[in-house]
């Protein structure tokens, strides 16, 4: 019985570890996505500010 229990414990530990890793990567992916979104929105704002305004002079 001891061997069986140990084997079961190892299996559950492995499963839990895999779940933890998956959750961690999910969080990282989410964070990266959010960072990208922030970067894009910041870039858009900067671009809007620095966009040269074309003045049409009357001839």
N, C-alpha and C. Protein backbone atom coordinates (compact mmCIF):
# COMPACT_ATOMS: atom_id res chain seq x y z
N UNK A 1 0.83 -1.21 0.00
CA UNK A 1 0.00 0.00 0.00
C UNK A 1 0.87 1.27 0.00
N UNK A 2 1.96 1.21 0.71
CA UNK A 2 2.82 2.40 0.78
C UNK A 2 3.28 2.83 -0.61
N UNK A 3 3.73 1.86 -1.39
CA UNK A 3 4.22 2.16 -2.74
C UNK A 3 3.09 2.81 -3.55
N UNK A 4 1.91 2.23 -3.47
CA UNK A 4 0.77 2.76 -4.21
C UNK A 4 0.50 4.21 -3.83
N UNK A 5 0.47 4.47 -2.55
CA UNK A 5 0.20 5.83 -2.09
C UNK A 5 1.26 6.81 -2.58
N UNK A 6 2.53 6.37 -2.51
CA UNK A 6 3.62 7.23 -2.98
C UNK A 6 3.45 7.54 -4.46
N UNK A 7 3.11 6.52 -5.23
CA UNK A 7 2.94 6.71 -6.67
C UNK A 7 1.81 7.70 -6.94
N UNK A 8 0.71 7.53 -6.20
CA UNK A 8 -0.44 8.43 -6.36
C UNK A 8 -0.03 9.86 -6.02
N UNK A 9 0.70 10.00 -4.91
CA UNK A 9 1.14 11.33 -4.49
C UNK A 9 2.00 11.98 -5.56
N UNK A 10 2.92 11.19 -6.13
CA UNK A 10 3.79 11.73 -7.17
C UNK A 10 2.97 12.20 -8.37
N UNK A 11 1.99 11.39 -8.75
CA UNK A 11 1.14 11.74 -9.90
C UNK A 11 0.40 13.06 -9.63
N UNK A 12 -0.18 13.16 -8.42
CA UNK A 12 -0.93 14.38 -8.11
C UNK A 12 0.00 15.58 -8.05
N UNK A 13 1.21 15.37 -7.53
CA UNK A 13 2.18 16.46 -7.48
C UNK A 13 2.52 16.93 -8.89
N UNK A 14 2.75 15.97 -9.80
CA UNK A 14 3.06 16.31 -11.19
C UNK A 14 1.92 17.09 -11.82
N UNK A 15 0.71 16.60 -11.61
CA UNK A 15 -0.46 17.28 -12.18
C UNK A 15 -0.55 18.70 -11.67
N UNK A 16 -0.41 18.84 -10.35
CA UNK A 16 -0.50 20.17 -9.74
C UNK A 16 0.57 21.09 -10.31
N UNK A 17 1.78 20.53 -10.47
CA UNK A 17 2.90 21.31 -11.01
C UNK A 17 2.55 21.80 -12.41
N UNK A 18 2.02 20.90 -13.24
CA UNK A 18 1.65 21.26 -14.60
C UNK A 18 0.60 22.36 -14.60
N UNK A 19 -0.38 22.24 -13.71
CA UNK A 19 -1.44 23.25 -13.62
C UNK A 19 -0.83 24.59 -13.24
N UNK A 20 0.09 24.56 -12.25
CA UNK A 20 0.73 25.80 -11.80
C UNK A 20 1.48 26.46 -12.95
N UNK A 21 2.23 25.65 -13.69
CA UNK A 21 3.02 26.18 -14.81
C UNK A 21 2.08 26.80 -15.84
N UNK A 22 1.00 26.10 -16.15
CA UNK A 22 0.05 26.60 -17.14
C UNK A 22 -0.53 27.94 -16.69
N UNK A 23 -0.91 28.02 -15.42
CA UNK A 23 -1.48 29.27 -14.90
C UNK A 23 -0.46 30.40 -14.97
N UNK A 24 0.79 30.07 -14.64
CA UNK A 24 1.84 31.09 -14.67
C UNK A 24 2.01 31.63 -16.09
N UNK A 25 2.06 30.71 -17.06
CA UNK A 25 2.26 31.15 -18.44
C UNK A 25 1.06 31.96 -18.91
N UNK A 26 -0.14 31.55 -18.50
CA UNK A 26 -1.35 32.31 -18.86
C UNK A 26 -1.24 33.73 -18.35
N UNK A 27 -0.82 33.86 -17.08
CA UNK A 27 -0.68 35.19 -16.47
C UNK A 27 0.33 36.02 -17.25
N UNK A 28 1.46 35.39 -17.59
CA UNK A 28 2.51 36.09 -18.32
C UNK A 28 1.98 36.56 -19.67
N UNK A 29 1.26 35.68 -20.36
CA UNK A 29 0.71 36.03 -21.67
C UNK A 29 -0.23 37.21 -21.52
N UNK A 30 -1.09 37.16 -20.49
CA UNK A 30 -2.03 38.26 -20.25
C UNK A 30 -1.27 39.56 -20.02
N UNK A 31 -0.23 39.49 -19.17
CA UNK A 31 0.55 40.68 -18.85
C UNK A 31 1.18 41.24 -20.12
N UNK A 32 1.76 40.35 -20.93
CA UNK A 32 2.40 40.79 -22.16
C UNK A 32 1.40 41.47 -23.07
N UNK A 33 0.21 40.89 -23.19
CA UNK A 33 -0.84 41.48 -24.03
C UNK A 33 -1.18 42.87 -23.54
N UNK A 34 -1.34 42.99 -22.22
CA UNK A 34 -1.69 44.30 -21.64
C UNK A 34 -0.58 45.31 -21.90
N UNK A 35 0.67 44.87 -21.76
CA UNK A 35 1.80 45.76 -22.02
C UNK A 35 1.77 46.24 -23.46
N UNK A 36 1.53 45.31 -24.37
CA UNK A 36 1.47 45.65 -25.79
C UNK A 36 0.37 46.67 -26.04
N UNK A 37 -0.79 46.43 -25.44
CA UNK A 37 -1.91 47.35 -25.60
C UNK A 37 -1.52 48.74 -25.12
N UNK A 38 -0.88 48.78 -23.92
CA UNK A 38 -0.46 50.06 -23.36
C UNK A 38 0.53 50.75 -24.29
N UNK A 39 1.53 49.97 -24.76
CA UNK A 39 2.54 50.53 -25.65
C UNK A 39 1.87 51.12 -26.88
N UNK A 40 0.95 50.34 -27.47
CA UNK A 40 0.28 50.80 -28.68
C UNK A 40 -0.49 52.09 -28.43
N UNK A 41 -1.23 52.13 -27.32
CA UNK A 41 -2.04 53.32 -27.05
C UNK A 41 -1.12 54.52 -26.79
N UNK A 42 0.00 54.28 -26.11
CA UNK A 42 0.96 55.37 -25.85
C UNK A 42 1.52 55.87 -27.17
N UNK A 43 1.90 54.92 -28.03
CA UNK A 43 2.46 55.29 -29.32
C UNK A 43 1.46 56.11 -30.12
N UNK A 44 0.20 55.66 -30.10
CA UNK A 44 -0.84 56.39 -30.84
C UNK A 44 -0.91 57.83 -30.35
N UNK A 45 -0.90 58.00 -29.04
CA UNK A 45 -0.99 59.35 -28.47
C UNK A 45 0.19 60.20 -28.91
N UNK A 46 1.39 59.60 -28.85
CA UNK A 46 2.60 60.33 -29.22
C UNK A 46 2.53 60.72 -30.70
N UNK A 47 2.10 59.75 -31.52
CA UNK A 47 2.02 60.01 -32.96
C UNK A 47 1.05 61.15 -33.23
N UNK A 48 -0.07 61.13 -32.54
CA UNK A 48 -1.08 62.18 -32.74
C UNK A 48 -0.50 63.55 -32.39
N UNK A 49 0.29 63.60 -31.32
CA UNK A 49 0.87 64.88 -30.89
C UNK A 49 1.90 65.38 -31.89
N UNK A 50 2.75 64.48 -32.38
CA UNK A 50 3.87 64.90 -33.21
C UNK A 50 3.55 64.92 -34.70
N UNK A 51 2.31 64.60 -35.06
CA UNK A 51 1.96 64.59 -36.49
C UNK A 51 2.06 65.99 -37.05
N UNK A 52 2.82 66.17 -38.12
CA UNK A 52 2.97 67.53 -38.66
C UNK A 52 1.68 68.00 -39.33
N UNK A 53 1.31 69.21 -39.04
CA UNK A 53 0.09 69.75 -39.66
C UNK A 53 0.48 70.43 -40.96
N UNK A 54 -0.18 70.03 -42.01
CA UNK A 54 0.12 70.57 -43.33
C UNK A 54 -0.72 71.82 -43.55
N UNK A 55 -0.03 72.95 -43.70
CA UNK A 55 -0.74 74.22 -43.92
C UNK A 55 -0.79 74.49 -45.42
N UNK A 56 -1.96 74.78 -45.89
CA UNK A 56 -2.09 75.11 -47.33
C UNK A 56 -2.07 76.62 -47.47
N UNK A 57 -1.05 77.10 -48.17
CA UNK A 57 -0.92 78.54 -48.36
C UNK A 57 -1.71 78.97 -49.60
N UNK A 58 -2.46 80.02 -49.49
CA UNK A 58 -3.19 80.48 -50.68
C UNK A 58 -2.25 81.07 -51.73
N UNK A 59 -2.44 80.68 -52.94
CA UNK A 59 -1.55 81.17 -54.02
C UNK A 59 -2.21 82.31 -54.80
